[in-house]
Amino acid sequence: MATPSATPAPASNSLVRALGVMDLTWLYLVAVVNLNVVPVIAVAGAPVLWLLGAAILFFFLPQGIGVIELAEHLPGEGGLYLWTKDAYGDFHGFLCGWCYWMTNMFFVPSLLFYVTGVTSYIVGGSTAAQLNDSRLFFFLLPVSLLWITIFANVRGLGVGKWVNNIGGIGALVIGGAVMIMSAIAAFGHHGQLHARDLAPGGMGALPLATFGVITLALVGMELGPIMGDEVRDPLRTIPRSVAVGGSLCALMYTGCVVALLAAVPGKQMTAVQGLLQAIDGMSGSFGIAWILLPLAILMAASIAGSTSAWVSGSARILFVCGLDRYMPKALGKVHPRHHSPYIALIMFGVLASAIIAMSFIGASVQEAYLTLLDLAVALQMISYIYLFLSLAKRAFSKASAPKFFRRPVLQLAALAGLCTASLGFTMAFVPSRQISSIGAFELKMILTLGFILALASGLFVYYSRLRAEGSGSGMAAPSARGSDAA
């Protein structure tokens, strides 16, 4: 292991430090607040608010604590990949990073499906009904949007961050509009949500199958440290942006879910277009139906920003794996002009396009969307289990001095995060009521997840041997670098 240094070393890979506090705050807002997930959560009914509150307290808050603390120790490019590698060795670091970027191979298509659903909703009428059932439409538009996002990020974070910033602003405007309209409807006694709907019942009344999606909805605080070598003054910038961005995200999710429950009857809500249903219904009742189109356009911009954020973060994991020689070394190349990990970005685009095509095998559009979401949950929770295990090792080790929080706070955060991430992983295998074939769903989940983990292990063994051969011939393999101020 490299000798720790007191300050972050300049990146030898020519990455540019383009992200400040506000850039990361908007990044967190657009990455964490995924408007496409709000209907999937709200469709479970009013009891889901208890699960959302528990997830914010026992998963989202510990996540913020863990990200700030671990980024203080290792602020370099790669984030949780570096943290896990430092705590548990190269194999676990690789597996954590692999699950993380593979998560977004499934999650990014689900975002793009939602943009496509928004587009068909705007069209309206019989044409919308035809588009909703058209697999060709739900393939061509997402793939086109994906590659537009890829090439924007190839131009570098100086360009890509503006896609994120605009998306964050769009999410804030849409969330604010939905919450304001819902509040007006509630005061006028036209809301669908009542206090009695929130009465706590037994555990059987809680829609636990939705908990995995809720935990997936609340991930994203690690994105800033993943781009650690592209953040200005990361030891100051990351804690501030996590605190501000995290608070806004918790407020937005809670407000939007409550607004959707109040605006759309549960039996009429759909997983792909529920938020637009709420805007359509409320704006029509207020006599401002014209607002639907601009808000729908803003929603598409918001989801495009979210797509850009997750594509960018995933590419950085591929990038550092390429630098470490645990994946093809070409992934570690930086564009000579735009200073972006362009090979990693293009590879992500190719693989995500293939997954969009394969997701329709034996499934309707809605089932393809929900299956992609559940696979993303399972993979993301594996990487988050590693994140909280890395935090636990520092929190419970007397050899590691806390940097930002006191040791008891770190210990509680690590234990709470581990428990909720494990529960979220388990719940990913419980199908929602909108899945028609439970057997096919479970088989697809188990086989796909097993294949992904087996492939990761095989690649690690293969590239480890190549590294060993390179070292034996006098060619030392470079590694992705972070620094530990311990």
Protein backbone atom coordinates (compact mmCIF):
# COMPACT_ATOMS: atom_id res chain seq x y z
CA MET A 1 0.00 0.00 0.00
CA ALA A 2 1.24 3.46 -0.84
CA THR A 3 2.54 5.64 1.94
CA PRO A 4 -0.21 8.03 3.08
CA SER A 5 0.28 11.70 2.41
CA ALA A 6 -1.10 14.67 4.26
CA THR A 7 -2.90 16.26 1.33
CA PRO A 8 -4.50 14.94 -1.84
CA ALA A 9 -1.90 14.45 -4.53
CA PRO A 10 -2.56 15.98 -7.91
CA ALA A 11 -4.01 13.46 -10.32
CA SER A 12 -1.49 12.13 -12.77
CA ASN A 13 -4.29 11.32 -15.20
CA SER A 14 -4.88 14.98 -16.22
CA LEU A 15 -8.39 15.21 -14.81
CA VAL A 16 -9.60 18.78 -14.22
CA ARG A 17 -10.93 20.01 -10.84
CA ALA A 18 -14.15 21.57 -12.15
CA LEU A 19 -16.65 20.90 -9.31
CA GLY A 20 -17.35 23.32 -6.45
CA VAL A 21 -19.85 23.28 -3.56
CA MET A 22 -22.85 24.39 -5.65
CA ASP A 23 -21.97 22.00 -8.48
CA LEU A 24 -21.95 19.06 -6.07
CA THR A 25 -25.13 20.27 -4.35
CA TRP A 26 -26.99 20.27 -7.68
CA LEU A 27 -25.34 16.95 -8.53
CA TYR A 28 -26.69 15.41 -5.32
CA LEU A 29 -30.14 16.87 -5.89
CA VAL A 30 -30.42 15.57 -9.45
CA ALA A 31 -28.80 12.19 -8.71
CA VAL A 32 -30.63 11.36 -5.47
CA VAL A 33 -34.05 12.84 -6.22
CA ASN A 34 -35.07 10.59 -9.09
CA LEU A 35 -38.58 11.69 -9.99
CA ASN A 36 -39.14 8.42 -11.85
CA VAL A 37 -38.91 6.50 -8.55
CA VAL A 38 -41.50 8.65 -6.73
CA PRO A 39 -44.51 6.92 -8.36
CA VAL A 40 -43.02 3.46 -7.73
CA ILE A 41 -42.84 4.36 -4.02
CA ALA A 42 -46.21 6.13 -3.83
CA VAL A 43 -48.11 3.35 -5.62
CA ALA A 44 -47.67 1.25 -2.45
CA GLY A 45 -50.08 3.57 -0.60
CA ALA A 46 -49.96 5.81 2.48
CA PRO A 47 -48.22 3.24 4.78
CA VAL A 48 -45.12 3.61 2.60
CA LEU A 49 -44.46 6.96 4.33
CA TRP A 50 -43.45 5.07 7.49
CA LEU A 51 -40.88 3.12 5.48
CA LEU A 52 -39.63 6.30 3.80
CA GLY A 53 -39.14 7.98 7.18
CA ALA A 54 -37.29 4.94 8.54
CA ALA A 55 -35.06 4.80 5.46
CA ILE A 56 -34.14 8.49 5.77
CA LEU A 57 -33.27 8.07 9.45
CA PHE A 58 -31.49 4.71 9.34
CA PHE A 59 -30.03 4.69 5.82
CA PHE A 60 -29.80 8.15 4.27
CA LEU A 61 -28.45 9.95 7.34
CA PRO A 62 -25.83 7.20 8.05
CA GLN A 63 -24.91 7.32 4.36
CA GLY A 64 -24.13 11.03 4.58
CA ILE A 65 -22.10 10.51 7.75
CA GLY A 66 -20.16 7.64 6.17
CA VAL A 67 -19.44 9.49 2.94
CA ILE A 68 -18.15 12.59 4.74
CA GLU A 69 -15.96 10.58 7.13
CA LEU A 70 -14.50 8.22 4.51
CA ALA A 71 -13.89 11.06 2.06
CA GLU A 72 -11.89 12.84 4.75
CA HIS A 73 -9.60 9.79 4.94
CA LEU A 74 -9.44 8.97 1.21
CA PRO A 75 -10.57 11.87 -1.00
CA GLY A 76 -9.13 10.55 -4.29
CA GLU A 77 -10.87 9.51 -7.52
CA GLY A 78 -12.91 6.34 -7.07
CA GLY A 79 -14.68 7.00 -3.75
CA LEU A 80 -16.21 3.83 -2.35
CA TYR A 81 -13.98 1.70 -4.60
CA LEU A 82 -10.94 3.18 -2.86
CA TRP A 83 -12.52 2.96 0.61
CA THR A 84 -13.37 -0.74 0.25
CA LYS A 85 -10.02 -1.55 -1.34
CA ASP A 86 -8.19 0.18 1.51
CA ALA A 87 -10.26 -1.58 4.19
CA TYR A 88 -10.63 -5.12 2.79
CA GLY A 89 -8.21 -5.54 -0.10
CA ASP A 90 -8.22 -5.45 -3.88
CA PHE A 91 -10.81 -8.18 -4.53
CA HIS A 92 -13.47 -6.62 -2.34
CA GLY A 93 -12.68 -3.17 -3.71
CA PHE A 94 -13.11 -4.48 -7.24
CA LEU A 95 -16.33 -6.32 -6.40
CA CYS A 96 -17.75 -3.20 -4.72
CA GLY A 97 -16.85 -1.04 -7.73
CA TRP A 98 -18.16 -3.67 -10.13
CA CYS A 99 -21.55 -3.87 -8.39
CA TYR A 100 -21.71 -0.08 -8.28
CA TRP A 101 -21.23 0.56 -11.98
CA MET A 102 -23.31 -2.48 -12.90
CA THR A 103 -26.12 -1.03 -10.75
CA ASN A 104 -26.24 1.92 -13.07
CA MET A 105 -26.18 -0.33 -16.11
CA PHE A 106 -29.71 -1.26 -14.98
CA PHE A 107 -30.73 1.98 -13.28
CA VAL A 108 -29.81 4.34 -16.13
CA PRO A 109 -32.07 2.46 -18.61
CA SER A 110 -34.91 2.71 -16.07
CA LEU A 111 -34.38 6.49 -16.00
CA LEU A 112 -34.48 6.62 -19.78
CA PHE A 113 -37.63 4.48 -19.85
CA TYR A 114 -39.24 7.10 -17.65
CA VAL A 115 -38.28 9.94 -20.00
CA THR A 116 -39.88 7.90 -22.78
CA GLY A 117 -43.02 7.45 -20.67
CA VAL A 118 -43.14 11.21 -20.08
CA THR A 119 -42.86 11.78 -23.82
CA SER A 120 -45.76 9.45 -24.63
CA TYR A 121 -47.88 11.05 -21.89
CA ILE A 122 -47.33 14.50 -23.41
CA VAL A 123 -48.44 13.23 -26.82
CA GLY A 124 -51.72 12.02 -25.32
CA GLY A 125 -54.74 10.41 -26.96
CA SER A 126 -54.72 7.11 -28.83
CA THR A 127 -51.17 7.76 -30.04
CA ALA A 128 -49.94 7.73 -26.42
CA ALA A 129 -51.61 4.37 -25.80
CA GLN A 130 -49.88 2.93 -28.86
CA LEU A 131 -46.51 4.36 -27.83
CA ASN A 132 -46.84 3.00 -24.28
CA ASP A 133 -47.04 -0.54 -25.68
CA SER A 134 -44.42 -0.03 -28.38
CA ARG A 135 -41.17 -1.82 -27.59
CA LEU A 136 -39.49 -0.16 -30.58
CA PHE A 137 -40.32 3.31 -29.26
CA PHE A 138 -39.12 2.36 -25.75
CA PHE A 139 -35.85 1.16 -27.29
CA LEU A 140 -35.00 3.85 -29.83
CA LEU A 141 -35.69 6.94 -27.70
CA PRO A 142 -33.82 5.74 -24.55
CA VAL A 143 -30.79 4.66 -26.59
CA SER A 144 -30.72 7.99 -28.43
CA LEU A 145 -30.92 9.94 -25.16
CA LEU A 146 -28.24 7.73 -23.62
CA TRP A 147 -25.72 8.52 -26.35
CA ILE A 148 -26.47 12.24 -26.26
CA THR A 149 -25.63 12.09 -22.54
CA ILE A 150 -22.49 10.03 -23.17
CA PHE A 151 -21.09 12.51 -25.68
CA ALA A 152 -21.94 15.49 -23.44
CA ASN A 153 -19.82 13.89 -20.71
CA VAL A 154 -17.03 13.03 -23.13
CA ARG A 155 -16.71 16.79 -23.62
CA GLY A 156 -15.68 16.92 -19.94
CA LEU A 157 -17.24 17.96 -16.63
CA GLY A 158 -17.01 21.59 -17.71
CA VAL A 159 -19.86 20.71 -20.10
CA GLY A 160 -21.38 17.69 -18.35
CA LYS A 161 -21.86 19.49 -15.01
CA TRP A 162 -24.27 21.94 -16.66
CA VAL A 163 -26.52 19.04 -17.65
CA ASN A 164 -26.48 18.02 -13.97
CA ASN A 165 -27.07 21.59 -12.74
CA ILE A 166 -30.00 22.19 -15.08
CA GLY A 167 -31.45 18.82 -14.10
CA GLY A 168 -31.13 19.71 -10.40
CA ILE A 169 -32.89 23.02 -10.92
CA GLY A 170 -35.62 21.23 -12.90
CA ALA A 171 -36.15 18.68 -10.12
CA LEU A 172 -36.42 21.46 -7.53
CA VAL A 173 -38.96 23.40 -9.61
CA ILE A 174 -41.10 20.34 -10.37
CA GLY A 175 -41.02 19.11 -6.78
CA GLY A 176 -41.94 22.57 -5.50
CA ALA A 177 -44.81 22.89 -8.01
CA VAL A 178 -46.24 19.47 -7.15
CA MET A 179 -46.04 20.14 -3.39
CA ILE A 180 -47.67 23.58 -3.72
CA MET A 181 -50.53 22.27 -5.86
CA SER A 182 -51.04 19.33 -3.51
CA ALA A 183 -51.16 21.65 -0.49
CA ILE A 184 -53.77 23.86 -2.21
CA ALA A 185 -55.86 20.77 -3.03
CA ALA A 186 -55.60 19.52 0.56
CA PHE A 187 -56.72 22.86 2.00
CA GLY A 188 -59.66 22.78 -0.43
CA HIS A 189 -60.59 19.29 0.83
CA HIS A 190 -59.91 17.76 -2.59
CA GLY A 191 -56.93 15.66 -1.56
CA GLN A 192 -56.86 11.85 -1.65
CA LEU A 193 -54.68 11.50 1.47
CA HIS A 194 -56.23 11.68 4.94
CA ALA A 195 -54.79 11.49 8.44
CA ARG A 196 -56.48 8.14 9.08
CA ASP A 197 -54.50 6.66 6.16
CA LEU A 198 -51.32 7.20 8.17
CA ALA A 199 -52.50 5.39 11.30
CA PRO A 200 -49.75 2.90 12.22
CA GLY A 201 -50.84 -0.71 11.77
CA GLY A 202 -49.10 -4.05 12.18
CA MET A 203 -46.00 -5.03 10.21
CA GLY A 204 -48.28 -6.85 7.79
CA ALA A 205 -49.74 -3.50 6.70
CA LEU A 206 -46.37 -2.13 5.63
CA PRO A 207 -45.50 -2.54 1.93
CA LEU A 208 -42.08 -4.05 2.69
CA ALA A 209 -41.56 -5.08 -0.95
CA THR A 210 -41.13 -1.36 -1.68
CA PHE A 211 -38.33 -0.89 0.87
CA GLY A 212 -35.61 -1.94 -1.57
CA VAL A 213 -36.73 0.69 -4.09
CA ILE A 214 -36.82 3.30 -1.30
CA THR A 215 -33.22 2.56 -0.34
CA LEU A 216 -32.21 2.73 -4.01
CA ALA A 217 -33.98 6.10 -4.25
CA LEU A 218 -31.87 7.42 -1.38
CA VAL A 219 -28.43 6.53 -2.73
CA GLY A 220 -26.10 9.04 -4.36
CA MET A 221 -24.15 10.87 -1.66
CA GLU A 222 -21.07 8.93 -2.72
CA LEU A 223 -21.04 10.48 -6.20
CA GLY A 224 -18.99 13.51 -5.14
CA PRO A 225 -16.08 11.48 -3.70
CA ILE A 226 -16.17 9.14 -6.71
CA MET A 227 -15.04 12.19 -8.70
CA GLY A 228 -12.66 13.23 -5.93
CA ASP A 229 -9.82 14.25 -8.26
CA GLU A 230 -12.25 16.54 -10.10
CA VAL A 231 -13.53 18.37 -6.99
CA ARG A 232 -12.00 21.67 -5.91
CA ASP A 233 -10.72 21.44 -2.30
CA PRO A 234 -12.56 18.12 -1.60
CA LEU A 235 -11.90 18.16 2.16
CA ARG A 236 -13.99 21.34 2.42
CA THR A 237 -16.34 20.98 -0.54
CA ILE A 238 -17.67 17.45 0.05
CA PRO A 239 -18.92 17.90 3.68
CA ARG A 240 -20.69 21.16 2.83
CA SER A 241 -22.34 19.85 -0.31
CA VAL A 242 -23.42 16.59 1.38
CA ALA A 243 -25.06 18.53 4.23
CA VAL A 244 -26.94 21.00 1.98
CA GLY A 245 -27.73 18.56 -0.82
CA GLY A 246 -28.76 15.78 1.54
CA SER A 247 -31.21 18.02 3.41
CA LEU A 248 -32.82 19.17 0.16
CA CYS A 249 -33.10 15.58 -1.09
CA ALA A 250 -34.85 14.32 2.06
CA LEU A 251 -37.30 17.22 1.91
CA MET A 252 -37.99 16.70 -1.79
CA TYR A 253 -38.65 12.97 -1.55
CA THR A 254 -40.96 13.26 1.43
CA GLY A 255 -42.87 16.18 -0.07
CA CYS A 256 -43.23 14.61 -3.53
CA VAL A 257 -44.43 11.24 -2.23
CA VAL A 258 -46.98 12.93 0.04
CA ALA A 259 -48.12 15.15 -2.85
CA LEU A 260 -48.55 12.18 -5.18
CA LEU A 261 -50.53 10.21 -2.59
CA ALA A 262 -52.76 13.25 -2.07
CA ALA A 263 -53.31 13.91 -5.77
CA VAL A 264 -53.86 10.51 -7.44
CA PRO A 265 -56.21 7.71 -6.24
CA GLY A 266 -54.13 4.62 -5.47
CA LYS A 267 -55.98 2.37 -7.93
CA GLN A 268 -55.38 4.80 -10.78
CA MET A 269 -51.68 5.39 -10.17
CA THR A 270 -49.15 3.88 -12.58
CA ALA A 271 -45.47 3.25 -11.91
CA VAL A 272 -44.18 4.92 -15.07
CA GLN A 273 -46.35 8.04 -15.34
CA GLY A 274 -47.75 8.64 -11.85
CA LEU A 275 -46.11 12.04 -11.28
CA LEU A 276 -47.42 13.43 -14.54
CA GLN A 277 -50.86 12.07 -13.62
CA ALA A 278 -50.75 14.15 -10.45
CA ILE A 279 -49.64 17.31 -12.28
CA ASP A 280 -52.26 16.77 -15.00
CA GLY A 281 -55.11 16.19 -12.56
CA MET A 282 -54.29 19.04 -10.17
CA SER A 283 -53.45 21.63 -12.83
CA GLY A 284 -56.70 20.82 -14.65
CA SER A 285 -58.77 21.26 -11.47
CA PHE A 286 -57.09 24.63 -10.83
CA GLY A 287 -57.70 25.82 -14.39
CA ILE A 288 -54.00 25.96 -15.26
CA ALA A 289 -53.73 22.89 -17.50
CA TRP A 290 -51.23 24.79 -19.66
CA ILE A 291 -48.59 24.24 -16.98
CA LEU A 292 -48.40 20.50 -17.77
CA LEU A 293 -46.24 20.89 -20.89
CA PRO A 294 -43.49 23.12 -19.39
CA LEU A 295 -43.34 20.98 -16.25
CA ALA A 296 -43.14 17.81 -18.35
CA ILE A 297 -40.25 19.32 -20.30
CA LEU A 298 -38.55 20.26 -17.01
CA MET A 299 -39.12 16.71 -15.77
CA ALA A 300 -37.44 15.31 -18.87
CA ALA A 301 -34.52 17.73 -18.27
CA SER A 302 -34.32 16.63 -14.64
CA ILE A 303 -34.16 12.96 -15.54
CA ALA A 304 -31.61 13.73 -18.26
CA GLY A 305 -29.50 15.40 -15.57
CA SER A 306 -29.91 12.38 -13.31
CA THR A 307 -28.87 10.11 -16.17
CA SER A 308 -25.80 12.26 -16.77
CA ALA A 309 -24.84 12.14 -13.08
CA TRP A 310 -25.04 8.35 -12.84
CA VAL A 311 -23.33 7.77 -16.19
CA SER A 312 -20.53 10.08 -15.09
CA GLY A 313 -20.11 8.39 -11.69
CA SER A 314 -20.18 4.88 -13.17
CA ALA A 315 -17.58 5.79 -15.78
CA ARG A 316 -15.22 6.97 -13.01
CA ILE A 317 -15.37 3.52 -11.38
CA LEU A 318 -14.53 1.90 -14.72
CA PHE A 319 -11.79 4.49 -15.14
CA VAL A 320 -10.02 3.71 -11.83
CA CYS A 321 -10.42 -0.03 -12.42
CA GLY A 322 -8.64 0.53 -15.73
CA LEU A 323 -5.87 2.46 -13.96
CA ASP A 324 -5.52 -0.38 -11.47
CA ARG A 325 -5.36 -2.89 -14.37
CA TYR A 326 -8.29 -4.94 -13.01
CA MET A 327 -10.11 -4.18 -16.26
CA PRO A 328 -8.72 -3.34 -19.72
CA LYS A 329 -6.11 -0.59 -19.31
CA ALA A 330 -7.74 1.39 -22.13
CA LEU A 331 -10.50 2.30 -19.66
CA GLY A 332 -7.93 4.38 -17.77
CA LYS A 333 -7.29 6.66 -20.75
CA VAL A 334 -8.14 10.37 -20.59
CA HIS A 335 -9.25 12.34 -23.64
CA PRO A 336 -6.26 14.46 -24.76
CA ARG A 337 -8.42 17.54 -25.35
CA HIS A 338 -11.46 17.27 -23.06
CA HIS A 339 -9.68 15.55 -20.11
CA SER A 340 -12.52 13.06 -19.59
CA PRO A 341 -12.43 9.24 -19.18
CA TYR A 342 -13.88 8.88 -22.67
CA ILE A 343 -13.19 5.16 -23.22
CA ALA A 344 -14.96 4.30 -19.95
CA LEU A 345 -17.92 6.50 -20.92
CA ILE A 346 -18.24 4.90 -24.36
CA MET A 347 -18.00 1.38 -22.92
CA PHE A 348 -20.76 2.23 -20.45
CA GLY A 349 -22.93 3.45 -23.35
CA VAL A 350 -22.42 0.25 -25.36
CA LEU A 351 -23.28 -2.03 -22.44
CA ALA A 352 -26.28 0.03 -21.29
CA SER A 353 -27.68 -0.03 -24.85
CA ALA A 354 -27.41 -3.83 -24.85
CA ILE A 355 -29.20 -4.06 -21.50
CA ILE A 356 -32.04 -1.85 -22.76
CA ALA A 357 -32.51 -4.29 -25.65
CA MET A 358 -32.31 -7.42 -23.47
CA SER A 359 -34.72 -6.08 -20.82
CA PHE A 360 -37.69 -6.64 -23.15
CA ILE A 361 -37.13 -10.38 -23.45
CA GLY A 362 -40.36 -11.99 -22.26
CA ALA A 363 -41.64 -8.85 -20.51
CA SER A 364 -43.99 -5.93 -21.08
CA VAL A 365 -42.69 -2.35 -20.93
CA GLN A 366 -43.83 -1.91 -17.32
CA GLU A 367 -42.42 -5.26 -16.16
CA ALA A 368 -39.12 -4.53 -17.93
CA TYR A 369 -38.96 -1.20 -16.09
CA LEU A 370 -39.69 -2.75 -12.67
CA THR A 371 -37.28 -5.69 -13.19
CA LEU A 372 -34.46 -3.29 -14.14
CA LEU A 373 -35.23 -1.31 -10.99
CA ASP A 374 -35.11 -4.39 -8.72
CA LEU A 375 -31.83 -5.61 -10.23
CA ALA A 376 -30.41 -2.14 -9.63
CA VAL A 377 -31.57 -2.34 -6.00
CA ALA A 378 -29.83 -5.67 -5.37
CA LEU A 379 -26.53 -4.58 -6.93
CA GLN A 380 -26.54 -1.14 -5.32
CA MET A 381 -27.15 -2.59 -1.88
CA ILE A 382 -24.11 -4.86 -2.27
CA SER A 383 -21.89 -1.82 -2.90
CA TYR A 384 -23.52 0.01 0.02
CA ILE A 385 -22.99 -2.94 2.34
CA TYR A 386 -19.31 -2.59 1.45
CA LEU A 387 -19.48 1.17 2.11
CA PHE A 388 -20.89 0.65 5.61
CA LEU A 389 -18.47 -2.21 6.30
CA SER A 390 -15.60 0.14 5.40
CA LEU A 391 -17.06 2.73 7.77
CA ALA A 392 -17.45 0.08 10.48
CA LYS A 393 -13.81 -0.94 10.19
CA ARG A 394 -12.70 2.63 10.80
CA ALA A 395 -15.33 3.26 13.47
CA PHE A 396 -14.49 0.20 15.56
CA SER A 397 -10.71 0.17 14.99
CA LYS A 398 -8.63 1.94 17.62
CA ALA A 399 -5.85 2.23 15.04
CA SER A 400 -7.94 4.66 12.97
CA ALA A 401 -8.63 8.10 14.45
CA PRO A 402 -11.97 9.71 13.47
CA LYS A 403 -11.63 12.71 11.17
CA PHE A 404 -14.99 14.50 11.13
CA PHE A 405 -17.42 12.78 13.52
CA ARG A 406 -16.99 11.27 16.96
CA ARG A 407 -16.46 7.53 17.18
CA PRO A 408 -19.88 6.64 18.71
CA VAL A 409 -21.63 8.52 15.88
CA LEU A 410 -19.63 6.58 13.31
CA GLN A 411 -20.37 3.28 15.03
CA LEU A 412 -24.13 3.91 15.13
CA ALA A 413 -24.13 5.08 11.51
CA ALA A 414 -22.23 1.98 10.37
CA LEU A 415 -24.56 -0.45 12.18
CA ALA A 416 -27.76 1.31 11.10
CA GLY A 417 -26.57 1.53 7.51
CA LEU A 418 -25.54 -2.13 7.40
CA CYS A 419 -28.93 -3.29 8.70
CA THR A 420 -30.99 -1.17 6.30
CA ALA A 421 -28.80 -1.94 3.27
CA SER A 422 -29.11 -5.67 4.02
CA LEU A 423 -32.88 -5.36 4.35
CA GLY A 424 -33.03 -3.39 1.09
CA PHE A 425 -31.08 -6.15 -0.67
CA THR A 426 -33.46 -8.81 0.62
CA MET A 427 -36.56 -6.85 -0.36
CA ALA A 428 -35.31 -6.53 -3.96
CA PHE A 429 -36.30 -10.19 -4.40
CA VAL A 430 -39.88 -9.60 -3.27
CA PRO A 431 -41.89 -8.76 -6.42
CA SER A 432 -44.32 -5.86 -6.44
CA ARG A 433 -48.00 -6.34 -7.20
CA GLN A 434 -47.44 -5.09 -10.76
CA ILE A 435 -45.36 -8.18 -11.70
CA SER A 436 -47.60 -10.77 -13.38
CA SER A 437 -45.25 -13.78 -13.40
CA ILE A 438 -43.52 -14.18 -10.01
CA GLY A 439 -41.61 -17.28 -11.13
CA ALA A 440 -40.16 -15.59 -14.20
CA PHE A 441 -39.27 -12.51 -12.11
CA GLU A 442 -37.41 -14.52 -9.45
CA LEU A 443 -35.59 -16.64 -12.04
CA LYS A 444 -34.47 -13.57 -13.99
CA MET A 445 -33.30 -11.85 -10.79
CA ILE A 446 -31.32 -14.82 -9.43
CA LEU A 447 -29.71 -15.85 -12.71
CA THR A 448 -28.78 -12.30 -13.70
CA LEU A 449 -27.32 -11.44 -10.30
CA GLY A 450 -25.42 -14.75 -10.12
CA PHE A 451 -23.97 -14.22 -13.60
CA ILE A 452 -22.88 -10.65 -12.80
CA LEU A 453 -21.04 -11.69 -9.60
CA ALA A 454 -19.45 -14.73 -11.25
CA LEU A 455 -18.26 -12.59 -14.16
CA ALA A 456 -16.73 -10.08 -11.74
CA SER A 457 -14.83 -12.83 -9.91
CA GLY A 458 -13.57 -14.32 -13.17
CA LEU A 459 -12.36 -10.96 -14.48
CA PHE A 460 -10.58 -10.21 -11.21
CA VAL A 461 -8.70 -13.52 -11.32
CA TYR A 462 -7.78 -13.04 -14.99
CA TYR A 463 -6.53 -9.46 -14.64
CA SER A 464 -4.75 -10.24 -11.37
CA ARG A 465 -2.66 -12.78 -13.27
CA LEU A 466 -1.90 -10.22 -15.97
CA ARG A 467 -0.82 -7.73 -13.29
CA ALA A 468 1.42 -10.35 -11.71
CA GLU A 469 2.99 -11.16 -15.07
CA GLY A 470 3.54 -7.45 -15.74
CA SER A 471 5.18 -7.00 -12.34
CA GLY A 472 7.34 -10.05 -12.92
CA SER A 473 8.65 -8.56 -16.14
CA GLY A 474 9.54 -5.31 -14.39
CA MET A 475 6.45 -3.39 -15.48
CA ALA A 476 4.70 -2.09 -12.39
CA ALA A 477 0.97 -1.68 -12.80
CA PRO A 478 -0.29 1.78 -11.89
CA SER A 479 -3.03 2.16 -9.35
CA ALA A 480 -5.88 4.56 -8.82
CA ARG A 481 -4.71 6.87 -6.08
CA GLY A 482 -6.34 8.43 -3.12
CA SER A 483 -4.64 9.86 -0.08
CA ASP A 484 -5.20 9.25 3.58
CA ALA A 485 -4.47 12.04 5.96
CA ALA A 486 -4.41 9.62 8.87
